[in-house]
Amino acid sequence: MAIGNMIPPNQYIPQCSADRRPLIMWSLVVVGALFFVALLVAAPLAQANGLQWFSFAVYEAFSHVCHQTSERSFYIAGYPLAVCTRCTGLYVGFAAAVAFYPVMTSLKRTHAPERKWLFIAAAPLAIDFALGFFGIWENSHLSRLLTGALLGAVSVFFILPGLVQLSVYQRMFGPRSAKQSENSPVYSRSTPEEITSSPSDYSTPLRRI
């Protein structure tokens, strides 16, 4: 390894260190994904039980990311979910994939797959939408759900490695590392004059350790 590529000792991350940042990041993403899925179901249940203020807040929040067309949505307790079937597939697929992510790959993985896999996962959704939009084939709840779930699941393998990498960078170059760098001792190379003028114990060998 070239000397110029070496990093300071306080920024070195041992490959066998028990760094919990990837685990913490994965846990936060799992909780967040399950929270959003729970909101999709909570909206119609709240509406059915008279909690209009809560259901209105959830429906209104998701209206910014979904058209919420009633005939294209699943129903619970007589009311539609907070998003359409395709968006439901995206949320559920993402949540399922991130929950089983440690089983399929390492949490410390920081590189995403080839970008072509993301386009391949999006192709069925695009085809299903295009066929229905142009009236060639009428898509169904199942086709919209499955194509959305596929894209949502595959996107996990592109999003989570990036978040893990950000957490590693934060550890290496965050405020704590900067503080450690400031407190680290600074070593300088001695000149030949300083070496020759420094005290020596060669005259008293019995004092040597």
Protein backbone atom coordinates (compact mmCIF):
# COMPACT_ATOMS: atom_id res chain seq x y z
CA MET A 1 0.00 0.00 0.00
CA ALA A 2 1.32 3.45 -0.84
CA ILE A 3 2.18 5.76 2.06
CA GLY A 4 -0.06 8.48 0.64
CA ASN A 5 -3.13 6.23 0.84
CA MET A 6 -2.74 5.46 4.52
CA ILE A 7 -5.22 6.94 7.00
CA PRO A 8 -4.50 8.19 10.53
CA PRO A 9 -4.62 5.48 13.23
CA ASN A 10 -7.63 7.07 14.96
CA GLN A 11 -9.65 6.73 11.72
CA TYR A 12 -8.82 3.08 11.14
CA ILE A 13 -11.77 0.69 11.40
CA PRO A 14 -10.74 -2.90 12.19
CA GLN A 15 -12.40 -5.38 9.87
CA CYS A 16 -13.31 -7.61 12.80
CA SER A 17 -14.59 -4.83 15.08
CA ALA A 18 -18.09 -5.21 16.50
CA ASP A 19 -19.46 -1.99 14.98
CA ARG A 20 -23.16 -1.73 15.73
CA ARG A 21 -23.88 1.12 13.34
CA PRO A 22 -25.10 -1.16 10.49
CA LEU A 23 -27.37 -3.01 12.93
CA ILE A 24 -28.73 0.25 14.33
CA MET A 25 -29.32 1.65 10.85
CA TRP A 26 -31.11 -1.53 9.73
CA SER A 27 -33.27 -1.49 12.87
CA LEU A 28 -34.31 2.11 12.25
CA VAL A 29 -35.24 1.35 8.64
CA VAL A 30 -37.25 -1.72 9.70
CA VAL A 31 -39.16 0.26 12.31
CA GLY A 32 -39.81 3.07 9.83
CA ALA A 33 -41.00 0.71 7.09
CA LEU A 34 -43.35 -1.17 9.43
CA PHE A 35 -44.63 2.14 10.78
CA PHE A 36 -45.66 3.30 7.30
CA VAL A 37 -47.33 -0.03 6.55
CA ALA A 38 -49.21 0.22 9.85
CA LEU A 39 -50.43 3.69 8.90
CA LEU A 40 -51.88 2.34 5.65
CA VAL A 41 -54.08 -0.03 7.63
CA ALA A 42 -54.71 2.34 10.54
CA ALA A 43 -56.40 4.95 8.34
CA PRO A 44 -59.49 2.88 7.38
CA LEU A 45 -59.69 1.30 10.84
CA ALA A 46 -59.67 4.72 12.46
CA GLN A 47 -62.35 5.91 10.05
CA ALA A 48 -64.52 2.91 10.87
CA ASN A 49 -64.15 3.50 14.61
CA GLY A 50 -65.02 7.17 14.57
CA LEU A 51 -61.50 8.61 14.76
CA GLN A 52 -62.04 10.92 11.81
CA TRP A 53 -59.32 13.37 12.85
CA PHE A 54 -56.67 10.64 12.80
CA SER A 55 -57.85 9.03 9.55
CA PHE A 56 -58.09 12.43 7.86
CA ALA A 57 -54.50 13.25 8.88
CA VAL A 58 -53.20 9.95 7.49
CA TYR A 59 -55.20 10.17 4.25
CA GLU A 60 -54.09 13.77 3.78
CA ALA A 61 -50.42 12.91 4.38
CA PHE A 62 -50.41 10.08 1.84
CA SER A 63 -52.41 12.11 -0.71
CA HIS A 64 -49.17 13.91 -1.60
CA VAL A 65 -47.58 10.67 -2.87
CA CYS A 66 -50.58 8.68 -4.18
CA HIS A 67 -53.74 9.39 -6.17
CA GLN A 68 -55.80 7.30 -3.67
CA THR A 69 -58.37 6.28 -6.27
CA SER A 70 -61.00 4.23 -4.43
CA GLU A 71 -61.57 1.62 -7.15
CA ARG A 72 -57.82 0.97 -7.27
CA SER A 73 -57.41 0.45 -3.53
CA PHE A 74 -57.86 -2.38 -1.06
CA TYR A 75 -60.61 -1.99 1.53
CA ILE A 76 -60.62 -2.73 5.25
CA ALA A 77 -63.73 -2.28 7.42
CA GLY A 78 -65.51 -0.67 4.49
CA TYR A 79 -62.89 2.02 3.85
CA PRO A 80 -59.92 2.11 1.45
CA LEU A 81 -56.32 1.92 2.56
CA ALA A 82 -54.36 5.15 2.67
CA VAL A 83 -52.79 4.41 -0.74
CA CYS A 84 -53.68 2.49 -3.90
CA THR A 85 -52.84 -1.17 -4.49
CA ARG A 86 -49.65 -0.40 -6.41
CA CYS A 87 -48.33 1.88 -3.67
CA THR A 88 -49.41 -0.70 -1.10
CA GLY A 89 -47.21 -3.20 -2.90
CA LEU A 90 -44.30 -0.75 -2.81
CA TYR A 91 -44.59 -0.23 0.94
CA VAL A 92 -45.24 -3.88 1.80
CA GLY A 93 -42.51 -5.16 -0.53
CA PHE A 94 -39.99 -2.73 0.91
CA ALA A 95 -40.92 -3.62 4.50
CA ALA A 96 -40.74 -7.37 3.84
CA ALA A 97 -37.39 -7.15 2.06
CA VAL A 98 -35.78 -4.96 4.70
CA ALA A 99 -37.05 -7.25 7.47
CA PHE A 100 -35.36 -10.28 5.87
CA TYR A 101 -32.34 -8.31 4.64
CA PRO A 102 -29.88 -9.81 7.19
CA VAL A 103 -30.87 -13.30 6.03
CA MET A 104 -30.03 -12.51 2.40
CA THR A 105 -26.85 -10.45 2.78
CA SER A 106 -24.51 -8.86 5.32
CA LEU A 107 -25.61 -5.76 7.19
CA LYS A 108 -22.10 -4.34 6.69
CA ARG A 109 -22.50 -4.37 2.92
CA THR A 110 -21.93 -0.88 1.53
CA HIS A 111 -22.04 -1.50 -2.22
CA ALA A 112 -25.26 -1.72 -4.21
CA PRO A 113 -25.94 -4.23 -6.99
CA GLU A 114 -25.59 -3.26 -10.63
CA ARG A 115 -28.05 -0.56 -11.61
CA LYS A 116 -29.56 -2.78 -14.29
CA TRP A 117 -31.34 -4.84 -11.62
CA LEU A 118 -33.27 -1.79 -10.49
CA PHE A 119 -34.45 -1.17 -14.06
CA ILE A 120 -35.34 -4.85 -14.46
CA ALA A 121 -37.42 -4.70 -11.27
CA ALA A 122 -39.19 -1.55 -12.48
CA ALA A 123 -39.94 -2.99 -15.93
CA PRO A 124 -42.98 -5.13 -14.91
CA LEU A 125 -44.51 -2.14 -13.12
CA ALA A 126 -43.98 0.11 -16.12
CA ILE A 127 -45.41 -2.48 -18.52
CA ASP A 128 -48.43 -3.13 -16.29
CA PHE A 129 -49.11 0.60 -16.05
CA ALA A 130 -48.60 1.24 -19.77
CA LEU A 131 -50.89 -1.59 -20.88
CA GLY A 132 -53.65 -0.30 -18.63
CA PHE A 133 -53.09 3.35 -19.54
CA PHE A 134 -53.35 2.72 -23.28
CA GLY A 135 -56.28 0.33 -22.88
CA ILE A 136 -54.42 -2.68 -24.24
CA TRP A 137 -54.96 -4.78 -21.13
CA GLU A 138 -56.88 -4.03 -17.95
CA ASN A 139 -54.58 -4.55 -15.00
CA SER A 140 -55.92 -5.90 -11.72
CA HIS A 141 -55.39 -5.44 -8.00
CA LEU A 142 -53.09 -8.46 -8.02
CA SER A 143 -50.93 -7.26 -10.92
CA ARG A 144 -50.57 -3.80 -9.42
CA LEU A 145 -49.76 -5.22 -6.00
CA LEU A 146 -47.14 -7.70 -7.25
CA THR A 147 -45.37 -5.29 -9.60
CA GLY A 148 -45.21 -2.67 -6.86
CA ALA A 149 -43.95 -5.20 -4.31
CA LEU A 150 -41.18 -6.33 -6.66
CA LEU A 151 -39.84 -2.82 -7.14
CA GLY A 152 -40.16 -2.02 -3.44
CA ALA A 153 -38.26 -5.16 -2.44
CA VAL A 154 -35.41 -4.65 -4.91
CA SER A 155 -34.99 -1.00 -3.95
CA VAL A 156 -33.96 -2.10 -0.45
CA PHE A 157 -30.68 -3.47 -1.81
CA PHE A 158 -29.88 -0.03 -3.24
CA ILE A 159 -31.07 2.14 -0.35
CA LEU A 160 -29.85 0.28 2.73
CA PRO A 161 -26.18 -0.10 1.64
CA GLY A 162 -26.08 3.64 1.05
CA LEU A 163 -27.46 4.37 4.51
CA VAL A 164 -24.96 1.97 6.08
CA GLN A 165 -22.13 3.65 4.20
CA LEU A 166 -23.27 7.05 5.45
CA SER A 167 -23.21 5.76 9.03
CA VAL A 168 -19.64 4.49 8.53
CA TYR A 169 -18.54 7.84 7.08
CA GLN A 170 -20.13 9.59 10.04
CA ARG A 171 -18.07 7.45 12.37
CA MET A 172 -14.84 8.08 10.46
CA PHE A 173 -15.22 11.77 9.73
CA GLY A 174 -17.86 12.95 12.21
CA PRO A 175 -17.44 15.43 15.08
CA ARG A 176 -16.13 12.75 17.41
CA SER A 177 -13.35 11.79 14.99
CA ALA A 178 -12.46 15.45 14.48
CA LYS A 179 -12.19 15.90 18.24
CA GLN A 180 -9.99 12.83 18.50
CA SER A 181 -7.77 14.20 15.73
CA GLU A 182 -7.36 17.49 17.59
CA ASN A 183 -6.36 15.68 20.78
CA SER A 184 -4.02 13.26 19.03
CA PRO A 185 -0.32 13.86 19.62
CA VAL A 186 1.63 15.37 16.73
CA TYR A 187 4.89 13.66 15.86
CA SER A 188 7.64 15.35 13.88
CA ARG A 189 10.85 14.03 12.41
CA SER A 190 13.98 14.94 14.37
CA THR A 191 16.84 16.66 12.60
CA PRO A 192 20.37 15.19 12.68
CA GLU A 193 21.48 18.07 14.93
CA GLU A 194 18.75 17.25 17.48
CA ILE A 195 19.72 13.59 17.44
CA THR A 196 23.43 14.26 18.07
CA SER A 197 22.70 16.82 20.79
CA SER A 198 20.27 14.63 22.69
CA PRO A 199 21.48 13.03 25.94
CA SER A 200 22.87 9.51 25.69
CA ASP A 201 23.26 6.73 28.25
CA TYR A 202 26.10 4.97 26.48
CA SER A 203 28.52 6.31 29.09
CA THR A 204 26.59 4.56 31.88
CA PRO A 205 25.60 1.11 30.60
CA LEU A 206 24.40 0.00 34.05
CA ARG A 207 21.52 2.47 33.87
CA ARG A 208 20.15 0.94 30.73
CA ILE A 209 17.01 -1.12 30.97
